[in-house]
Amino acid sequence: LLRQNWRRLTSMSTALVLLFLLALAALPGAMLPQRNLNVQ
């Protein structure tokens, strides 16, 4: 079971899904304006 789960975790599809989720989580921080940079 450990080997099977390790193979599943290290597969390319898992890496792509995690990368997509990371990009999705970064979108709000990139899109929302930051108040402390330029208030005006």
PDB file of all heavy atoms in Angstrom:
ATOM      1  N   LEU A   1       0.825  -1.213   0.000  1.00  0.00           N
ATOM      2  CA  LEU A   1       0.000   0.000   0.000  1.00  0.00           C
ATOM      3  C   LEU A   1       0.858   1.261   0.000  1.00  0.00           C
ATOM      4  O   LEU A   1       0.532   2.250  -0.671  1.00  0.00           O
ATOM      5  CB  LEU A   1      -0.939  -0.008   1.199  1.00  0.00           C
ATOM      6  CG  LEU A   1      -2.121  -0.966   1.105  1.00  0.00           C
ATOM      7  CD1 LEU A   1      -2.879  -1.010   2.424  1.00  0.00           C
ATOM      8  CD2 LEU A   1      -3.038  -0.560  -0.015  1.00  0.00           C
ATOM      9  N   LEU A   2       1.954   1.249   0.756  1.00  0.00           N
ATOM     10  CA  LEU A   2       2.844   2.409   0.774  1.00  0.00           C
ATOM     11  C   LEU A   2       3.454   2.656  -0.603  1.00  0.00           C
ATOM     12  O   LEU A   2       3.515   3.798  -1.062  1.00  0.00           O
ATOM     13  CB  LEU A   2       3.951   2.204   1.804  1.00  0.00           C
ATOM     14  CG  LEU A   2       3.552   2.397   3.259  1.00  0.00           C
ATOM     15  CD1 LEU A   2       4.684   1.977   4.179  1.00  0.00           C
ATOM     16  CD2 LEU A   2       3.162   3.836   3.521  1.00  0.00           C
ATOM     17  N   ARG A   3       3.897   1.596  -1.260  1.00  0.00           N
ATOM     18  CA  ARG A   3       4.470   1.758  -2.595  1.00  0.00           C
ATOM     19  C   ARG A   3       3.436   2.279  -3.583  1.00  0.00           C
ATOM     20  O   ARG A   3       3.723   3.157  -4.403  1.00  0.00           O
ATOM     21  CB  ARG A   3       5.008   0.420  -3.096  1.00  0.00           C
ATOM     22  CG  ARG A   3       6.309   0.018  -2.465  1.00  0.00           C
ATOM     23  CD  ARG A   3       6.801  -1.286  -3.026  1.00  0.00           C
ATOM     24  NE  ARG A   3       8.045  -1.677  -2.386  1.00  0.00           N
ATOM     25  CZ  ARG A   3       8.578  -2.874  -2.486  1.00  0.00           C
ATOM     26  NH1 ARG A   3       7.975  -3.807  -3.198  1.00  0.00           N
ATOM     27  NH2 ARG A   3       9.705  -3.153  -1.877  1.00  0.00           N
ATOM     28  N   GLN A   4       2.239   1.732  -3.499  1.00  0.00           N
ATOM     29  CA  GLN A   4       1.179   2.162  -4.410  1.00  0.00           C
ATOM     30  C   GLN A   4       0.842   3.633  -4.192  1.00  0.00           C
ATOM     31  O   GLN A   4       0.710   4.404  -5.154  1.00  0.00           O
ATOM     32  CB  GLN A   4      -0.059   1.299  -4.184  1.00  0.00           C
ATOM     33  CG  GLN A   4      -1.190   1.583  -5.128  1.00  0.00           C
ATOM     34  CD  GLN A   4      -2.378   0.673  -4.849  1.00  0.00           C
ATOM     35  OE1 GLN A   4      -2.425  -0.010  -3.843  1.00  0.00           O
ATOM     36  NE2 GLN A   4      -3.328   0.666  -5.742  1.00  0.00           N
ATOM     37  N   ASN A   5       0.734   4.050  -2.944  1.00  0.00           N
ATOM     38  CA  ASN A   5       0.424   5.458  -2.655  1.00  0.00           C
ATOM     39  C   ASN A   5       1.579   6.373  -3.042  1.00  0.00           C
ATOM     40  O   ASN A   5       1.362   7.497  -3.504  1.00  0.00           O
ATOM     41  CB  ASN A   5       0.067   5.621  -1.184  1.00  0.00           C
ATOM     42  CG  ASN A   5      -1.298   5.064  -0.875  1.00  0.00           C
ATOM     43  OD1 ASN A   5      -2.169   5.014  -1.742  1.00  0.00           O
ATOM     44  ND2 ASN A   5      -1.499   4.630   0.348  1.00  0.00           N
ATOM     45  N   TRP A   6       2.827   5.913  -2.842  1.00  0.00           N
ATOM     46  CA  TRP A   6       3.982   6.725  -3.226  1.00  0.00           C
ATOM     47  C   TRP A   6       4.010   6.932  -4.740  1.00  0.00           C
ATOM     48  O   TRP A   6       4.282   8.017  -5.231  1.00  0.00           O
ATOM     49  CB  TRP A   6       5.269   6.077  -2.746  1.00  0.00           C
ATOM     50  CG  TRP A   6       6.471   6.871  -3.119  1.00  0.00           C
ATOM     51  CD1 TRP A   6       7.410   6.562  -4.041  1.00  0.00           C
ATOM     52  CD2 TRP A   6       6.848   8.148  -2.586  1.00  0.00           C
ATOM     53  NE1 TRP A   6       8.348   7.549  -4.117  1.00  0.00           N
ATOM     54  CE2 TRP A   6       8.043   8.534  -3.234  1.00  0.00           C
ATOM     55  CE3 TRP A   6       6.304   8.983  -1.618  1.00  0.00           C
ATOM     56  CZ2 TRP A   6       8.682   9.723  -2.956  1.00  0.00           C
ATOM     57  CZ3 TRP A   6       6.957  10.179  -1.342  1.00  0.00           C
ATOM     58  CH2 TRP A   6       8.116  10.541  -1.998  1.00  0.00           C
ATOM     59  N   ARG A   7       3.713   5.863  -5.491  1.00  0.00           N
ATOM     60  CA  ARG A   7       3.663   5.991  -6.954  1.00  0.00           C
ATOM     61  C   ARG A   7       2.582   6.966  -7.382  1.00  0.00           C
ATOM     62  O   ARG A   7       2.760   7.757  -8.303  1.00  0.00           O
ATOM     63  CB  ARG A   7       3.408   4.627  -7.592  1.00  0.00           C
ATOM     64  CG  ARG A   7       4.604   3.741  -7.607  1.00  0.00           C
ATOM     65  CD  ARG A   7       4.350   2.485  -8.432  1.00  0.00           C
ATOM     66  NE  ARG A   7       5.313   1.474  -8.050  1.00  0.00           N
ATOM     67  CZ  ARG A   7       4.999   0.296  -7.547  1.00  0.00           C
ATOM     68  NH1 ARG A   7       3.731  -0.033  -7.380  1.00  0.00           N
ATOM     69  NH2 ARG A   7       5.925  -0.568  -7.207  1.00  0.00           N
ATOM     70  N   ARG A   8       1.445   6.909  -6.709  1.00  0.00           N
ATOM     71  CA  ARG A   8       0.354   7.813  -7.055  1.00  0.00           C
ATOM     72  C   ARG A   8       0.732   9.259  -6.742  1.00  0.00           C
ATOM     73  O   ARG A   8       0.435  10.175  -7.501  1.00  0.00           O
ATOM     74  CB  ARG A   8      -0.903   7.410  -6.274  1.00  0.00           C
ATOM     75  CG  ARG A   8      -2.121   8.177  -6.713  1.00  0.00           C
ATOM     76  CD  ARG A   8      -3.364   7.682  -6.032  1.00  0.00           C
ATOM     77  NE  ARG A   8      -3.612   6.294  -6.392  1.00  0.00           N
ATOM     78  CZ  ARG A   8      -4.170   5.401  -5.583  1.00  0.00           C
ATOM     79  NH1 ARG A   8      -4.518   5.736  -4.380  1.00  0.00           N
ATOM     80  NH2 ARG A   8      -4.376   4.168  -5.987  1.00  0.00           N
ATOM     81  N   LEU A   9       1.400   9.475  -5.591  1.00  0.00           N
ATOM     82  CA  LEU A   9       1.788  10.837  -5.219  1.00  0.00           C
ATOM     83  C   LEU A   9       2.867  11.405  -6.129  1.00  0.00           C
ATOM     84  O   LEU A   9       2.922  12.612  -6.347  1.00  0.00           O
ATOM     85  CB  LEU A   9       2.284  10.859  -3.767  1.00  0.00           C
ATOM     86  CG  LEU A   9       1.213  10.866  -2.696  1.00  0.00           C
ATOM     87  CD1 LEU A   9       1.854  10.754  -1.324  1.00  0.00           C
ATOM     88  CD2 LEU A   9       0.384  12.122  -2.775  1.00  0.00           C
ATOM     89  N   THR A  10       3.732  10.551  -6.631  1.00  0.00           N
ATOM     90  CA  THR A  10       4.836  11.041  -7.458  1.00  0.00           C
ATOM     91  C   THR A  10       4.518  10.985  -8.947  1.00  0.00           C
ATOM     92  O   THR A  10       5.418  11.194  -9.766  1.00  0.00           O
ATOM     93  CB  THR A  10       6.115  10.224  -7.184  1.00  0.00           C
ATOM     94  OG1 THR A  10       5.847   8.842  -7.416  1.00  0.00           O
ATOM     95  CG2 THR A  10       6.581  10.430  -5.763  1.00  0.00           C
ATOM     96  N   SER A  11       3.298  10.736  -9.312  1.00  0.00           N
ATOM     97  CA  SER A  11       2.949  10.687 -10.730  1.00  0.00           C
ATOM     98  C   SER A  11       2.841  12.101 -11.295  1.00  0.00           C
ATOM     99  O   SER A  11       2.652  13.085 -10.579  1.00  0.00           O
ATOM    100  CB  SER A  11       1.637   9.944 -10.931  1.00  0.00           C
ATOM    101  OG  SER A  11       0.567  10.706 -10.439  1.00  0.00           O
ATOM    102  N   MET A  12       2.954  12.201 -12.603  1.00  0.00           N
ATOM    103  CA  MET A  12       2.915  13.495 -13.270  1.00  0.00           C
ATOM    104  C   MET A  12       1.543  14.144 -13.157  1.00  0.00           C
ATOM    105  O   MET A  12       1.438  15.366 -13.004  1.00  0.00           O
ATOM    106  CB  MET A  12       3.299  13.336 -14.739  1.00  0.00           C
ATOM    107  CG  MET A  12       3.361  14.633 -15.499  1.00  0.00           C
ATOM    108  SD  MET A  12       4.540  15.807 -14.831  1.00  0.00           S
ATOM    109  CE  MET A  12       6.075  15.077 -15.301  1.00  0.00           C
ATOM    110  N   SER A  13       0.494  13.347 -13.193  1.00  0.00           N
ATOM    111  CA  SER A  13      -0.846  13.934 -13.113  1.00  0.00           C
ATOM    112  C   SER A  13      -1.065  14.593 -11.750  1.00  0.00           C
ATOM    113  O   SER A  13      -1.666  15.666 -11.671  1.00  0.00           O
ATOM    114  CB  SER A  13      -1.910  12.868 -13.375  1.00  0.00           C
ATOM    115  OG  SER A  13      -1.816  11.835 -12.435  1.00  0.00           O
ATOM    116  N   THR A  14      -0.555  13.984 -10.692  1.00  0.00           N
ATOM    117  CA  THR A  14      -0.675  14.597  -9.368  1.00  0.00           C
ATOM    118  C   THR A  14       0.104  15.907  -9.325  1.00  0.00           C
ATOM    119  O   THR A  14      -0.362  16.903  -8.773  1.00  0.00           O
ATOM    120  CB  THR A  14      -0.152  13.644  -8.287  1.00  0.00           C
ATOM    121  OG1 THR A  14      -0.890  12.419  -8.360  1.00  0.00           O
ATOM    122  CG2 THR A  14      -0.307  14.234  -6.908  1.00  0.00           C
ATOM    123  N   ALA A  15       1.299  15.911  -9.903  1.00  0.00           N
ATOM    124  CA  ALA A  15       2.107  17.130  -9.930  1.00  0.00           C
ATOM    125  C   ALA A  15       1.389  18.234 -10.699  1.00  0.00           C
ATOM    126  O   ALA A  15       1.389  19.403 -10.266  1.00  0.00           O
ATOM    127  CB  ALA A  15       3.464  16.846 -10.555  1.00  0.00           C
ATOM    128  N   LEU A  16       0.760  17.892 -11.800  1.00  0.00           N
ATOM    129  CA  LEU A  16       0.050  18.905 -12.582  1.00  0.00           C
ATOM    130  C   LEU A  16      -1.161  19.446 -11.844  1.00  0.00           C
ATOM    131  O   LEU A  16      -1.428  20.658 -11.879  1.00  0.00           O
ATOM    132  CB  LEU A  16      -0.368  18.324 -13.931  1.00  0.00           C
ATOM    133  CG  LEU A  16       0.772  18.061 -14.912  1.00  0.00           C
ATOM    134  CD1 LEU A  16       0.260  17.346 -16.143  1.00  0.00           C
ATOM    135  CD2 LEU A  16       1.465  19.350 -15.265  1.00  0.00           C
ATOM    136  N   VAL A  17      -1.878  18.582 -11.154  1.00  0.00           N
ATOM    137  CA  VAL A  17      -3.043  19.042 -10.388  1.00  0.00           C
ATOM    138  C   VAL A  17      -2.595  19.965  -9.268  1.00  0.00           C
ATOM    139  O   VAL A  17      -3.195  21.033  -9.043  1.00  0.00           O
ATOM    140  CB  VAL A  17      -3.828  17.832  -9.827  1.00  0.00           C
ATOM    141  CG1 VAL A  17      -4.835  18.269  -8.777  1.00  0.00           C
ATOM    142  CG2 VAL A  17      -4.518  17.091 -10.951  1.00  0.00           C
ATOM    143  N   LEU A  18      -1.538  19.597  -8.551  1.00  0.00           N
ATOM    144  CA  LEU A  18      -1.047  20.456  -7.468  1.00  0.00           C
ATOM    145  C   LEU A  18      -0.522  21.786  -8.003  1.00  0.00           C
ATOM    146  O   LEU A  18      -0.723  22.835  -7.374  1.00  0.00           O
ATOM    147  CB  LEU A  18       0.042  19.733  -6.678  1.00  0.00           C
ATOM    148  CG  LEU A  18      -0.431  18.547  -5.852  1.00  0.00           C
ATOM    149  CD1 LEU A  18       0.759  17.840  -5.216  1.00  0.00           C
ATOM    150  CD2 LEU A  18      -1.419  18.982  -4.785  1.00  0.00           C
ATOM    151  N   LEU A  19       0.127  21.773  -9.138  1.00  0.00           N
ATOM    152  CA  LEU A  19       0.617  23.015  -9.753  1.00  0.00           C
ATOM    153  C   LEU A  19      -0.542  23.908 -10.164  1.00  0.00           C
ATOM    154  O   LEU A  19      -0.503  25.131  -9.969  1.00  0.00           O
ATOM    155  CB  LEU A  19       1.497  22.686 -10.952  1.00  0.00           C
ATOM    156  CG  LEU A  19       2.272  23.835 -11.566  1.00  0.00           C
ATOM    157  CD1 LEU A  19       3.222  24.440 -10.550  1.00  0.00           C
ATOM    158  CD2 LEU A  19       3.032  23.348 -12.774  1.00  0.00           C
ATOM    159  N   PHE A  20      -1.587  23.312 -10.718  1.00  0.00           N
ATOM    160  CA  PHE A  20      -2.776  24.080 -11.087  1.00  0.00           C
ATOM    161  C   PHE A  20      -3.432  24.688  -9.852  1.00  0.00           C
ATOM    162  O   PHE A  20      -3.836  25.858  -9.866  1.00  0.00           O
ATOM    163  CB  PHE A  20      -3.768  23.184 -11.823  1.00  0.00           C
ATOM    164  CG  PHE A  20      -5.064  23.859 -12.145  1.00  0.00           C
ATOM    165  CD1 PHE A  20      -5.136  24.805 -13.140  1.00  0.00           C
ATOM    166  CD2 PHE A  20      -6.209  23.568 -11.426  1.00  0.00           C
ATOM    167  CE1 PHE A  20      -6.334  25.448 -13.443  1.00  0.00           C
ATOM    168  CE2 PHE A  20      -7.410  24.200 -11.708  1.00  0.00           C
ATOM    169  CZ  PHE A  20      -7.467  25.144 -12.712  1.00  0.00           C
ATOM    170  N   LEU A  21      -3.537  23.934  -8.775  1.00  0.00           N
ATOM    171  CA  LEU A  21      -4.135  24.459  -7.548  1.00  0.00           C
ATOM    172  C   LEU A  21      -3.298  25.590  -6.960  1.00  0.00           C
ATOM    173  O   LEU A  21      -3.842  26.570  -6.445  1.00  0.00           O
ATOM    174  CB  LEU A  21      -4.306  23.337  -6.528  1.00  0.00           C
ATOM    175  CG  LEU A  21      -5.388  22.310  -6.845  1.00  0.00           C
ATOM    176  CD1 LEU A  21      -5.373  21.187  -5.826  1.00  0.00           C
ATOM    177  CD2 LEU A  21      -6.755  22.965  -6.915  1.00  0.00           C
ATOM    178  N   LEU A  22      -1.989  25.485  -7.055  1.00  0.00           N
ATOM    179  CA  LEU A  22      -1.118  26.555  -6.576  1.00  0.00           C
ATOM    180  C   LEU A  22      -1.317  27.822  -7.392  1.00  0.00           C
ATOM    181  O   LEU A  22      -1.396  28.929  -6.856  1.00  0.00           O
ATOM    182  CB  LEU A  22       0.340  26.106  -6.633  1.00  0.00           C
ATOM    183  CG  LEU A  22       1.376  27.105  -6.154  1.00  0.00           C
ATOM    184  CD1 LEU A  22       1.195  27.389  -4.672  1.00  0.00           C
ATOM    185  CD2 LEU A  22       2.765  26.589  -6.434  1.00  0.00           C
ATOM    186  N   ALA A  23      -1.413  27.671  -8.707  1.00  0.00           N
ATOM    187  CA  ALA A  23      -1.647  28.829  -9.577  1.00  0.00           C
ATOM    188  C   ALA A  23      -3.001  29.447  -9.288  1.00  0.00           C
ATOM    189  O   ALA A  23      -3.148  30.676  -9.260  1.00  0.00           O
ATOM    190  CB  ALA A  23      -1.552  28.409 -11.038  1.00  0.00           C
ATOM    191  N   LEU A  24      -3.994  28.611  -9.053  1.00  0.00           N
ATOM    192  CA  LEU A  24      -5.330  29.109  -8.734  1.00  0.00           C
ATOM    193  C   LEU A  24      -5.344  29.862  -7.405  1.00  0.00           C
ATOM    194  O   LEU A  24      -5.985  30.904  -7.277  1.00  0.00           O
ATOM    195  CB  LEU A  24      -6.311  27.925  -8.686  1.00  0.00           C
ATOM    196  CG  LEU A  24      -7.787  28.241  -8.701  1.00  0.00           C
ATOM    197  CD1 LEU A  24      -8.159  28.922 -10.007  1.00  0.00           C
ATOM    198  CD2 LEU A  24      -8.581  26.956  -8.533  1.00  0.00           C
ATOM    199  N   ALA A  25      -4.599  29.361  -6.429  1.00  0.00           N
ATOM    200  CA  ALA A  25      -4.536  30.027  -5.127  1.00  0.00           C
ATOM    201  C   ALA A  25      -3.769  31.343  -5.196  1.00  0.00           C
ATOM    202  O   ALA A  25      -3.992  32.249  -4.383  1.00  0.00           O
ATOM    203  CB  ALA A  25      -3.883  29.106  -4.098  1.00  0.00           C
ATOM    204  N   ALA A  26      -2.879  31.498  -6.171  1.00  0.00           N
ATOM    205  CA  ALA A  26      -2.089  32.721  -6.293  1.00  0.00           C
ATOM    206  C   ALA A  26      -2.831  33.827  -7.023  1.00  0.00           C
ATOM    207  O   ALA A  26      -2.431  35.005  -6.952  1.00  0.00           O
ATOM    208  CB  ALA A  26      -0.782  32.421  -7.004  1.00  0.00           C
ATOM    209  N   LEU A  27      -3.897  33.493  -7.715  1.00  0.00           N
ATOM    210  CA  LEU A  27      -4.619  34.505  -8.497  1.00  0.00           C
ATOM    211  C   LEU A  27      -5.171  35.662  -7.658  1.00  0.00           C
ATOM    212  O   LEU A  27      -4.994  36.819  -8.062  1.00  0.00           O
ATOM    213  CB  LEU A  27      -5.741  33.861  -9.292  1.00  0.00           C
ATOM    214  CG  LEU A  27      -5.315  33.169 -10.573  1.00  0.00           C
ATOM    215  CD1 LEU A  27      -6.505  32.497 -11.243  1.00  0.00           C
ATOM    216  CD2 LEU A  27      -4.670  34.144 -11.520  1.00  0.00           C
ATOM    217  N   PRO A  28      -5.839  35.425  -6.550  1.00  0.00           N
ATOM    218  CA  PRO A  28      -6.361  36.581  -5.790  1.00  0.00           C
ATOM    219  C   PRO A  28      -5.271  37.559  -5.366  1.00  0.00           C
ATOM    220  O   PRO A  28      -5.461  38.773  -5.445  1.00  0.00           O
ATOM    221  CB  PRO A  28      -7.027  35.951  -4.574  1.00  0.00           C
ATOM    222  CG  PRO A  28      -7.368  34.574  -4.991  1.00  0.00           C
ATOM    223  CD  PRO A  28      -6.287  34.167  -5.961  1.00  0.00           C
ATOM    224  N   GLY A  29      -4.125  37.044  -4.957  1.00  0.00           N
ATOM    225  CA  GLY A  29      -3.033  37.929  -4.552  1.00  0.00           C
ATOM    226  C   GLY A  29      -2.469  38.729  -5.707  1.00  0.00           C
ATOM    227  O   GLY A  29      -1.978  39.843  -5.527  1.00  0.00           O
ATOM    228  N   ALA A  30      -2.543  38.179  -6.901  1.00  0.00           N
ATOM    229  CA  ALA A  30      -2.026  38.890  -8.069  1.00  0.00           C
ATOM    230  C   ALA A  30      -3.040  39.878  -8.623  1.00  0.00           C
ATOM    231  O   ALA A  30      -2.665  40.902  -9.195  1.00  0.00           O
ATOM    232  CB  ALA A  30      -1.638  37.884  -9.148  1.00  0.00           C
ATOM    233  N   MET A  31      -4.320  39.596  -8.483  1.00  0.00           N
ATOM    234  CA  MET A  31      -5.365  40.440  -9.071  1.00  0.00           C
ATOM    235  C   MET A  31      -5.804  41.578  -8.157  1.00  0.00           C
ATOM    236  O   MET A  31      -6.120  42.647  -8.646  1.00  0.00           O
ATOM    237  CB  MET A  31      -6.578  39.590  -9.423  1.00  0.00           C
ATOM    238  CG  MET A  31      -6.277  38.522 -10.437  1.00  0.00           C
ATOM    239  SD  MET A  31      -5.665  39.211 -11.954  1.00  0.00           S
ATOM    240  CE  MET A  31      -6.768  38.499 -13.117  1.00  0.00           C
ATOM    241  N   LEU A  32      -5.847  41.336  -6.877  1.00  0.00           N
ATOM    242  CA  LEU A  32      -6.319  42.374  -5.967  1.00  0.00           C
ATOM    243  C   LEU A  32      -5.249  43.433  -5.771  1.00  0.00           C
ATOM    244  O   LEU A  32      -4.069  43.111  -5.597  1.00  0.00           O
ATOM    245  CB  LEU A  32      -6.699  41.769  -4.617  1.00  0.00           C
ATOM    246  CG  LEU A  32      -7.869  40.791  -4.652  1.00  0.00           C
ATOM    247  CD1 LEU A  32      -8.071  40.173  -3.287  1.00  0.00           C
ATOM    248  CD2 LEU A  32      -9.129  41.474  -5.116  1.00  0.00           C
ATOM    249  N   PRO A  33      -5.620  44.670  -5.781  1.00  0.00           N
ATOM    250  CA  PRO A  33      -4.623  45.733  -5.589  1.00  0.00           C
ATOM    251  C   PRO A  33      -4.110  45.738  -4.147  1.00  0.00           C
ATOM    252  O   PRO A  33      -4.813  45.387  -3.215  1.00  0.00           O
ATOM    253  CB  PRO A  33      -5.390  47.017  -5.911  1.00  0.00           C
ATOM    254  CG  PRO A  33      -6.816  46.671  -5.721  1.00  0.00           C
ATOM    255  CD  PRO A  33      -6.955  45.216  -6.017  1.00  0.00           C
ATOM    256  N   GLN A  34      -2.879  46.154  -4.008  1.00  0.00           N
ATOM    257  CA  GLN A  34      -2.247  46.220  -2.693  1.00  0.00           C
ATOM    258  C   GLN A  34      -2.299  47.661  -2.203  1.00  0.00           C
ATOM    259  O   GLN A  34      -1.800  48.565  -2.841  1.00  0.00           O
ATOM    260  CB  GLN A  34      -0.789  45.755  -2.802  1.00  0.00           C
ATOM    261  CG  GLN A  34      -0.625  44.405  -3.470  1.00  0.00           C
ATOM    262  CD  GLN A  34      -1.241  43.285  -2.658  1.00  0.00           C
ATOM    263  OE1 GLN A  34      -1.084  43.267  -1.444  1.00  0.00           O
ATOM    264  NE2 GLN A  34      -1.930  42.378  -3.306  1.00  0.00           N
ATOM    265  N   ARG A  35      -2.908  47.862  -1.061  1.00  0.00           N
ATOM    266  CA  ARG A  35      -3.093  49.219  -0.543  1.00  0.00           C
ATOM    267  C   ARG A  35      -1.785  49.885  -0.131  1.00  0.00           C
ATOM    268  O   ARG A  35      -1.641  51.086  -0.264  1.00  0.00           O
ATOM    269  CB  ARG A  35      -4.054  49.216   0.647  1.00  0.00           C
ATOM    270  CG  ARG A  35      -5.477  48.962   0.257  1.00  0.00           C
ATOM    271  CD  ARG A  35      -6.404  49.279   1.416  1.00  0.00           C
ATOM    272  NE  ARG A  35      -7.781  48.984   1.044  1.00  0.00           N
ATOM    273  CZ  ARG A  35      -8.598  49.839   0.481  1.00  0.00           C
ATOM    274  NH1 ARG A  35      -8.204  51.048   0.199  1.00  0.00           N
ATOM    275  NH2 ARG A  35      -9.817  49.486   0.167  1.00  0.00           N
ATOM    276  N   ASN A  36      -0.846  49.149   0.394  1.00  0.00           N
ATOM    277  CA  ASN A  36       0.359  49.783   0.910  1.00  0.00           C
ATOM    278  C   ASN A  36       1.387  50.119  -0.180  1.00  0.00           C
ATOM    279  O   ASN A  36       2.401  50.715   0.112  1.00  0.00           O
ATOM    280  CB  ASN A  36       1.015  48.904   1.976  1.00  0.00           C
ATOM    281  CG  ASN A  36       1.374  47.534   1.446  1.00  0.00           C
ATOM    282  OD1 ASN A  36       1.096  47.215   0.304  1.00  0.00           O
ATOM    283  ND2 ASN A  36       1.994  46.741   2.294  1.00  0.00           N
ATOM    284  N   LEU A  37       1.138  49.763  -1.435  1.00  0.00           N
ATOM    285  CA  LEU A  37       2.090  50.100  -2.482  1.00  0.00           C
ATOM    286  C   LEU A  37       1.912  51.530  -2.984  1.00  0.00           C
ATOM    287  O   LEU A  37       2.845  52.312  -2.995  1.00  0.00           O
ATOM    288  CB  LEU A  37       1.960  49.117  -3.650  1.00  0.00           C
ATOM    289  CG  LEU A  37       2.385  47.685  -3.352  1.00  0.00           C
ATOM    290  CD1 LEU A  37       2.169  46.814  -4.569  1.00  0.00           C
ATOM    291  CD2 LEU A  37       3.840  47.648  -2.928  1.00  0.00           C
ATOM    292  N   ASN A  38       0.685  51.883  -3.398  1.00  0.00           N
ATOM    293  CA  ASN A  38       0.413  53.220  -3.878  1.00  0.00           C
ATOM    294  C   ASN A  38      -1.040  53.523  -3.516  1.00  0.00           C
ATOM    295  O   ASN A  38      -1.961  53.148  -4.241  1.00  0.00           O
ATOM    296  CB  ASN A  38       0.642  53.312  -5.383  1.00  0.00           C
ATOM    297  CG  ASN A  38       0.617  54.742  -5.875  1.00  0.00           C
ATOM    298  OD1 ASN A  38       0.099  55.620  -5.198  1.00  0.00           O
ATOM    299  ND2 ASN A  38       1.168  54.958  -7.061  1.00  0.00           N
ATOM    300  N   VAL A  39      -1.237  54.207  -2.425  1.00  0.00           N
ATOM    301  CA  VAL A  39      -2.565  54.430  -1.875  1.00  0.00           C
ATOM    302  C   VAL A  39      -3.451  55.204  -2.841  1.00  0.00           C
ATOM    303  O   VAL A  39      -4.638  54.892  -2.992  1.00  0.00           O
ATOM    304  CB  VAL A  39      -2.459  55.165  -0.510  1.00  0.00           C
ATOM    305  CG1 VAL A  39      -3.831  55.426   0.070  1.00  0.00           C
ATOM    306  CG2 VAL A  39      -1.621  54.349   0.455  1.00  0.00           C
ATOM    307  N   GLN A  40      -2.921  56.187  -3.534  1.00  0.00           N
ATOM    308  CA  GLN A  40      -3.726  57.007  -4.441  1.00  0.00           C
ATOM    309  C   GLN A  40      -4.244  56.176  -5.623  1.00  0.00           C
ATOM    310  O   GLN A  40      -5.416  56.260  -5.980  1.00  0.00           O
ATOM    311  CB  GLN A  40      -2.919  58.197  -4.951  1.00  0.00           C
ATOM    312  CG  GLN A  40      -2.601  59.200  -3.869  1.00  0.00           C
ATOM    313  CD  GLN A  40      -1.668  60.273  -4.372  1.00  0.00           C
ATOM    314  OE1 GLN A  40      -1.013  60.108  -5.406  1.00  0.00           O
ATOM    315  NE2 GLN A  40      -1.592  61.383  -3.646  1.00  0.00           N
TER     316      GLN A  40
END
